[in-house]
Amino acid sequence: MSGARDLQSVLARFPKTRPALPPKLQAIYTRQYIENRAGATPAASASQTLERWLHRQVASDGGTGATLEIGAGTLNQLNFEPANPAYDIVEPFEDLYRDSPLKGRVRRIYADIAEVPAGAVYERIVSAATLEHICDLPLVLARAVRLLAEGGVLRSAIPSEGGFLWKLGWMCTTGLEFRLRHGLDYGLMMAHEHVNDAAEIETLIRALFEEVEVRSFGFGRQLSLYRFLAARKPRLDVAAAWEARFS
């Protein structure tokens, strides 16, 4: 019963509103985001090195079958995926992938998961460091369920947002570097970007799927940097209810 109450408590938080950035942060936001995703600074480069764990977890099934990546960003997940002629992406921020040399490996590009045709079917729906950013996450996950082929899998890797080690990690690296470079609080950027914590994301995925495998990069949930979830056997009735509720 407590699990049902916890789920309802999480669902009641959606859709979320992204906290606004102060003008000084807004002015450098796009540049900072691209630098971070490209590993263009020492701290961002170190972060990218650690993030290889989550990319490898997503790709560890061999990457076969029609695939839809949610939040493909700079297309860096493709560095870990085998060649796949049926690899589609959802990414609203065109500046991130426009000049990527990997763009030719993408079959179709959608700005929103709602644009994916209803008849499309995917054996794999994947995401790497994306679900923490999505303000309408229950709706996006419900739509992903509808697109999964029978026997398909949702493979998602996320930062351990809300955990002690994750916060300590970014405060002592990217956060410190950002303050030294710009004299600004990186915590405000993180609050703007990471609207969902890892516990909320796991709660939603567990509610939508009968089978969920979880791996952590670290020691348990609080003392980890990243979390990986592989989810199978979707509960289609739950997905339909969420789609009706949040559409």
Protein backbone atom coordinates (compact mmCIF):
# COMPACT_ATOMS: atom_id res chain seq x y z
CA MET A 1 0.00 0.00 0.00
CA SER A 2 2.86 2.38 0.82
CA GLY A 3 4.27 1.75 -2.69
CA ALA A 4 0.98 2.89 -4.22
CA ARG A 5 1.01 6.01 -2.03
CA ASP A 6 4.61 6.73 -3.04
CA LEU A 7 3.72 6.42 -6.71
CA GLN A 8 0.74 8.74 -6.37
CA SER A 9 2.93 11.24 -4.53
CA VAL A 10 5.46 11.18 -7.39
CA LEU A 11 2.79 11.44 -10.09
CA ALA A 12 1.26 14.45 -8.34
CA ARG A 13 4.49 16.41 -8.98
CA PHE A 14 4.00 16.27 -12.75
CA PRO A 15 4.07 18.03 -15.07
CA LYS A 16 6.89 20.01 -13.49
CA THR A 17 7.94 23.58 -14.17
CA ARG A 18 11.61 24.15 -14.88
CA PRO A 19 13.10 26.79 -12.53
CA ALA A 20 14.03 29.95 -14.42
CA LEU A 21 17.68 30.88 -14.80
CA PRO A 22 18.95 34.28 -13.63
CA PRO A 23 19.85 36.56 -16.60
CA LYS A 24 23.62 36.06 -16.27
CA LEU A 25 23.23 32.29 -16.40
CA GLN A 26 20.69 32.47 -19.21
CA ALA A 27 23.17 34.48 -21.30
CA ILE A 28 25.76 31.68 -21.24
CA TYR A 29 23.41 28.72 -21.02
CA THR A 30 23.63 27.35 -24.57
CA ARG A 31 27.41 27.70 -24.74
CA GLN A 32 27.83 26.08 -21.34
CA TYR A 33 25.50 23.21 -22.23
CA ILE A 34 27.35 22.42 -25.45
CA GLU A 35 30.76 22.69 -23.75
CA ASN A 36 29.59 20.31 -21.05
CA ARG A 37 28.22 17.74 -23.51
CA ALA A 38 31.38 17.99 -25.64
CA GLY A 39 33.78 17.67 -22.68
CA ALA A 40 35.37 20.97 -23.67
CA THR A 41 36.72 21.92 -20.21
CA PRO A 42 38.88 19.86 -17.81
CA ALA A 43 35.95 19.14 -15.46
CA ALA A 44 33.58 18.39 -18.33
CA SER A 45 36.17 16.08 -19.88
CA ALA A 46 36.53 14.19 -16.59
CA SER A 47 32.76 13.95 -16.36
CA GLN A 48 32.57 12.56 -19.90
CA THR A 49 35.14 9.91 -18.97
CA LEU A 50 33.01 8.76 -16.03
CA GLU A 51 29.86 8.90 -18.14
CA ARG A 52 31.26 6.18 -20.40
CA TRP A 53 29.91 3.77 -17.80
CA LEU A 54 26.32 4.79 -18.43
CA HIS A 55 26.72 4.78 -22.21
CA ARG A 56 28.24 1.29 -22.07
CA GLN A 57 25.42 0.02 -19.90
CA VAL A 58 22.83 1.24 -22.40
CA ALA A 59 24.69 -0.42 -25.28
CA SER A 60 25.64 -3.61 -23.43
CA ASP A 61 22.81 -5.61 -25.05
CA GLY A 62 24.57 -5.41 -28.40
CA GLY A 63 22.35 -2.71 -29.86
CA THR A 64 20.44 -4.93 -32.26
CA GLY A 65 16.93 -4.20 -33.44
CA ALA A 66 15.10 -1.00 -34.28
CA THR A 67 16.10 1.63 -31.72
CA LEU A 68 14.67 4.95 -30.59
CA GLU A 69 16.92 7.14 -28.45
CA ILE A 70 15.17 9.71 -26.26
CA GLY A 71 17.22 12.87 -25.74
CA ALA A 72 20.07 12.04 -28.08
CA GLY A 73 21.87 15.36 -27.49
CA THR A 74 25.22 15.47 -29.29
CA LEU A 75 24.70 11.86 -30.46
CA ASN A 76 27.46 10.62 -28.14
CA GLN A 77 25.57 7.39 -27.41
CA LEU A 78 26.26 6.38 -31.01
CA ASN A 79 29.96 6.11 -30.15
CA PHE A 80 29.03 3.03 -28.11
CA GLU A 81 26.39 1.51 -30.41
CA PRO A 82 27.07 -0.81 -33.35
CA ALA A 83 26.01 0.28 -36.81
CA ASN A 84 22.23 0.12 -36.98
CA PRO A 85 20.23 1.24 -40.04
CA ALA A 86 17.10 1.57 -37.88
CA TYR A 87 18.33 4.09 -35.29
CA ASP A 88 15.94 7.00 -34.70
CA ILE A 89 16.25 9.82 -32.17
CA VAL A 90 14.13 12.30 -30.24
CA GLU A 91 15.98 15.56 -29.57
CA PRO A 92 14.39 19.02 -29.39
CA PHE A 93 17.70 20.94 -29.19
CA GLU A 94 18.93 20.97 -32.80
CA ASP A 95 22.09 22.94 -31.96
CA LEU A 96 23.41 19.88 -30.14
CA TYR A 97 23.46 17.48 -33.09
CA ARG A 98 23.41 19.75 -36.17
CA ASP A 99 27.16 19.53 -36.85
CA SER A 100 27.80 16.08 -35.43
CA PRO A 101 29.79 13.73 -37.70
CA LEU A 102 27.54 10.94 -36.37
CA LYS A 103 24.37 12.47 -37.79
CA GLY A 104 24.58 10.25 -40.88
CA ARG A 105 23.97 7.19 -38.71
CA VAL A 106 20.54 8.46 -37.67
CA ARG A 107 17.57 7.32 -39.74
CA ARG A 108 14.91 9.74 -38.48
CA ILE A 109 14.97 12.73 -36.13
CA TYR A 110 11.97 13.86 -34.06
CA ALA A 111 11.77 16.98 -31.92
CA ASP A 112 9.24 15.32 -29.58
CA ILE A 113 8.25 11.74 -28.90
CA ALA A 114 4.68 12.74 -29.80
CA GLU A 115 5.90 13.15 -33.41
CA VAL A 116 6.84 9.47 -33.71
CA PRO A 117 4.14 7.80 -35.86
CA ALA A 118 1.71 5.68 -33.88
CA GLY A 119 2.51 2.65 -36.04
CA ALA A 120 6.26 2.79 -35.34
CA VAL A 121 7.64 -0.13 -33.33
CA TYR A 122 11.03 -0.40 -31.60
CA GLU A 123 12.82 -3.35 -30.02
CA ARG A 124 14.90 -0.92 -27.97
CA ILE A 125 14.07 2.49 -26.53
CA VAL A 126 17.16 3.96 -24.93
CA SER A 127 18.30 7.08 -23.11
CA ALA A 128 21.57 8.18 -21.53
CA ALA A 129 21.54 11.02 -18.98
CA THR A 130 18.18 12.27 -20.27
CA LEU A 131 15.21 11.30 -18.09
CA GLU A 132 16.31 13.63 -15.29
CA HIS A 133 15.69 16.58 -17.65
CA ILE A 134 12.08 15.86 -18.71
CA CYS A 135 9.32 17.92 -17.05
CA ASP A 136 6.49 15.69 -18.35
CA LEU A 137 8.28 12.40 -17.72
CA PRO A 138 5.23 10.18 -16.99
CA LEU A 139 3.74 11.14 -20.35
CA VAL A 140 7.01 10.57 -22.23
CA LEU A 141 7.49 7.16 -20.60
CA ALA A 142 3.89 6.19 -21.32
CA ARG A 143 4.33 7.08 -24.99
CA ALA A 144 7.60 5.12 -25.06
CA VAL A 145 5.72 2.07 -23.78
CA ARG A 146 3.24 2.38 -26.63
CA LEU A 147 6.13 2.29 -29.14
CA LEU A 148 7.83 -0.79 -27.71
CA ALA A 149 7.64 -4.02 -29.68
CA GLU A 150 6.47 -7.16 -27.91
CA GLY A 151 9.50 -8.37 -25.99
CA GLY A 152 11.15 -4.95 -26.32
CA VAL A 153 13.21 -3.24 -23.64
CA LEU A 154 13.58 0.26 -22.22
CA ARG A 155 17.25 0.87 -21.38
CA SER A 156 17.94 4.06 -19.42
CA ALA A 157 21.02 5.34 -17.61
CA ILE A 158 20.75 8.36 -15.32
CA PRO A 159 22.86 10.29 -12.83
CA SER A 160 22.16 9.40 -9.20
CA GLU A 161 20.50 12.79 -8.71
CA GLY A 162 19.34 13.21 -5.11
CA GLY A 163 22.16 11.05 -3.76
CA PHE A 164 25.04 12.24 -1.58
CA LEU A 165 27.92 11.11 -3.80
CA TRP A 166 26.43 12.57 -6.98
CA LYS A 167 26.00 16.01 -5.40
CA LEU A 168 29.45 15.96 -3.82
CA GLY A 169 30.92 14.91 -7.17
CA TRP A 170 29.56 17.76 -9.26
CA MET A 171 30.10 20.37 -6.53
CA CYS A 172 33.81 19.53 -6.32
CA THR A 173 34.39 19.33 -10.08
CA THR A 174 32.07 21.01 -12.58
CA GLY A 175 30.55 23.28 -9.94
CA LEU A 176 33.91 24.51 -8.67
CA GLU A 177 35.27 25.01 -12.18
CA PHE A 178 32.12 26.91 -13.19
CA ARG A 179 32.40 29.28 -10.22
CA LEU A 180 36.09 29.95 -10.96
CA ARG A 181 35.39 30.61 -14.65
CA HIS A 182 32.18 32.62 -14.38
CA GLY A 183 31.74 33.60 -10.74
CA LEU A 184 28.27 32.02 -10.80
CA ASP A 185 26.45 29.26 -8.90
CA TYR A 186 26.36 26.02 -10.90
CA GLY A 187 23.74 24.70 -8.49
CA LEU A 188 21.20 27.00 -10.15
CA MET A 189 22.09 25.46 -13.51
CA MET A 190 21.69 21.97 -12.09
CA ALA A 191 18.30 22.83 -10.58
CA HIS A 192 17.20 24.17 -13.98
CA GLU A 193 18.40 21.06 -15.81
CA HIS A 194 17.77 18.16 -13.43
CA VAL A 195 14.10 18.48 -12.59
CA ASN A 196 13.76 14.78 -11.65
CA ASP A 197 15.83 12.81 -9.17
CA ALA A 198 16.85 9.18 -9.57
CA ALA A 199 14.32 7.88 -7.03
CA GLU A 200 11.42 9.51 -8.91
CA ILE A 201 12.60 8.07 -12.21
CA GLU A 202 12.98 4.57 -10.80
CA THR A 203 9.54 4.77 -9.16
CA LEU A 204 7.91 5.66 -12.48
CA ILE A 205 9.71 2.95 -14.44
CA ARG A 206 8.88 0.29 -11.85
CA ALA A 207 5.21 1.29 -12.05
CA LEU A 208 5.21 0.94 -15.84
CA PHE A 209 7.06 -2.38 -16.14
CA GLU A 210 6.79 -5.79 -14.53
CA GLU A 211 10.52 -6.50 -14.76
CA VAL A 212 13.15 -3.90 -13.91
CA GLU A 213 16.87 -4.62 -13.56
CA VAL A 214 18.93 -1.95 -11.75
CA ARG A 215 22.70 -1.48 -11.67
CA SER A 216 24.63 1.26 -9.86
CA PHE A 217 28.04 2.79 -10.52
CA GLY A 218 29.12 2.97 -6.90
CA PHE A 219 27.87 1.49 -3.66
CA GLY A 220 24.09 1.40 -3.51
CA ARG A 221 21.85 4.29 -4.36
CA GLN A 222 23.18 7.07 -2.11
CA LEU A 223 26.86 6.34 -2.74
CA SER A 224 26.74 6.05 -6.51
CA LEU A 225 27.30 8.37 -9.43
CA TYR A 226 25.03 6.71 -11.97
CA ARG A 227 22.16 4.24 -12.17
CA PHE A 228 21.12 2.00 -15.05
CA LEU A 229 17.64 0.51 -15.50
CA ALA A 230 16.59 -2.15 -18.02
CA ALA A 231 12.81 -2.56 -18.07
CA ARG A 232 10.71 -5.25 -19.75
CA LYS A 233 7.10 -6.42 -19.89
CA PRO A 234 5.29 -3.06 -19.92
CA ARG A 235 1.99 -2.59 -18.12
CA LEU A 236 -0.02 -1.26 -21.03
CA ASP A 237 -3.02 -0.36 -18.86
CA VAL A 238 -0.85 1.88 -16.67
CA ALA A 239 0.70 3.54 -19.73
CA ALA A 240 -2.74 4.21 -21.22
CA ALA A 241 -3.95 5.74 -17.94
CA TRP A 242 -0.92 8.02 -17.73
CA GLU A 243 -1.28 9.10 -21.33
CA ALA A 244 -4.92 10.02 -20.73
CA ARG A 245 -4.07 11.83 -17.49
CA PHE A 246 -1.09 13.87 -18.69
CA SER A 247 -1.88 14.54 -22.37
